[in-house]
Amino acid sequence: GDNNNLVTMSNAAANIFYVPANASVAYPVGSSLSVAQGGTGATSLTGATGSVVLDTPSTLICRAQYSTVSLVQISANTWLVGGDLQ
């Protein structure tokens, strides 16, 4: 249900968006997920066991409240992440 949709993480405390392994959720290659930090708690992204998340910044933490990032699946268990990260 999250494919091609925005997931808003509206937490006051630090929170984690887990990217599922392909064995758990078989998104087709090319799928896109968008995540927004809606609350004041820092949103981190991490891959579940078996899933690899690739990023260009040094962390996978949203920079601030209302930051938005996108993930694109480039192979069965590999996601490329870009957006407003620290």
Protein backbone atom coordinates (compact mmCIF):
# COMPACT_ATOMS: atom_id res chain seq x y z
CA GLY A 1 0.00 0.00 0.00
CA ASP A 2 2.95 2.41 0.39
CA ASN A 3 4.12 2.06 -3.24
CA ASN A 4 3.90 5.45 -4.98
CA ASN A 5 2.44 7.04 -1.85
CA LEU A 6 3.66 9.43 0.84
CA VAL A 7 4.19 7.98 4.32
CA THR A 8 4.11 10.67 7.01
CA MET A 9 5.95 9.95 10.24
CA SER A 10 4.14 12.21 12.75
CA ASN A 11 5.99 11.47 15.98
CA ALA A 12 7.26 13.78 18.71
CA ALA A 13 10.01 11.25 19.55
CA ALA A 14 12.73 9.90 17.29
CA ASN A 15 11.35 7.20 14.98
CA ILE A 16 12.44 4.78 12.26
CA PHE A 17 10.99 4.03 8.83
CA TYR A 18 11.94 0.43 8.02
CA VAL A 19 12.48 -0.50 4.38
CA PRO A 20 11.24 -4.08 4.09
CA ALA A 21 13.20 -6.95 2.65
CA ASN A 22 11.87 -8.30 -0.65
CA ALA A 23 10.97 -11.56 1.11
CA SER A 24 8.51 -9.62 3.30
CA VAL A 25 7.11 -7.17 0.75
CA ALA A 26 7.83 -7.91 -2.91
CA TYR A 27 7.74 -4.43 -4.40
CA PRO A 28 8.42 -4.49 -8.13
CA VAL A 29 11.77 -3.01 -9.19
CA GLY A 30 11.18 0.66 -9.96
CA SER A 31 8.79 1.12 -7.04
CA SER A 32 8.93 4.46 -5.27
CA LEU A 33 8.30 5.27 -1.62
CA SER A 34 8.18 8.80 -0.20
CA VAL A 35 8.65 9.52 3.49
CA ALA A 36 8.02 12.84 5.28
CA GLN A 37 9.00 13.77 8.80
CA GLY A 38 5.71 15.29 9.91
CA GLY A 39 6.51 15.51 13.63
CA THR A 40 9.35 17.01 15.61
CA GLY A 41 11.00 13.63 16.27
CA ALA A 42 13.85 12.83 13.91
CA THR A 43 12.92 10.22 11.30
CA SER A 44 15.65 7.72 10.38
CA LEU A 45 15.49 5.27 7.49
CA THR A 46 16.95 1.79 7.73
CA GLY A 47 16.76 -1.40 5.77
CA ALA A 48 15.22 -4.42 7.44
CA THR A 49 17.38 -7.55 7.54
CA GLY A 50 18.05 -8.50 3.92
CA SER A 51 17.31 -5.05 2.50
CA VAL A 52 20.04 -2.61 1.46
CA VAL A 53 19.46 1.14 1.47
CA LEU A 54 21.88 3.27 -0.55
CA ASP A 55 22.25 6.98 0.08
CA THR A 56 24.43 9.85 -0.99
CA PRO A 57 24.52 11.90 2.23
CA SER A 58 26.37 10.68 5.28
CA THR A 59 23.23 9.69 7.19
CA LEU A 60 19.74 8.40 6.57
CA ILE A 61 18.09 10.88 8.94
CA CYS A 62 15.62 13.52 7.80
CA ARG A 63 17.13 16.99 8.24
CA ALA A 64 14.14 18.64 9.97
CA GLN A 65 10.39 18.58 10.47
CA TYR A 66 8.64 18.52 7.06
CA SER A 67 11.71 17.08 5.31
CA THR A 68 10.77 14.63 2.57
CA VAL A 69 12.84 11.84 1.06
CA SER A 70 12.19 9.37 -1.76
CA LEU A 71 13.30 5.78 -2.12
CA VAL A 72 13.41 3.97 -5.47
CA GLN A 73 13.93 0.24 -5.66
CA ILE A 74 16.73 -0.48 -8.14
CA SER A 75 16.90 -4.26 -7.54
CA ALA A 76 15.04 -6.78 -5.38
CA ASN A 77 16.64 -5.69 -2.10
CA THR A 78 18.35 -2.44 -3.01
CA TRP A 79 16.86 1.02 -2.63
CA LEU A 80 18.34 4.36 -3.69
CA VAL A 81 17.49 7.23 -1.34
CA GLY A 82 17.56 10.95 -1.99
CA GLY A 83 16.02 14.07 -0.54
CA ASP A 84 16.26 16.35 2.45
CA LEU A 85 18.62 14.27 4.60
CA GLN A 86 21.33 15.32 7.03
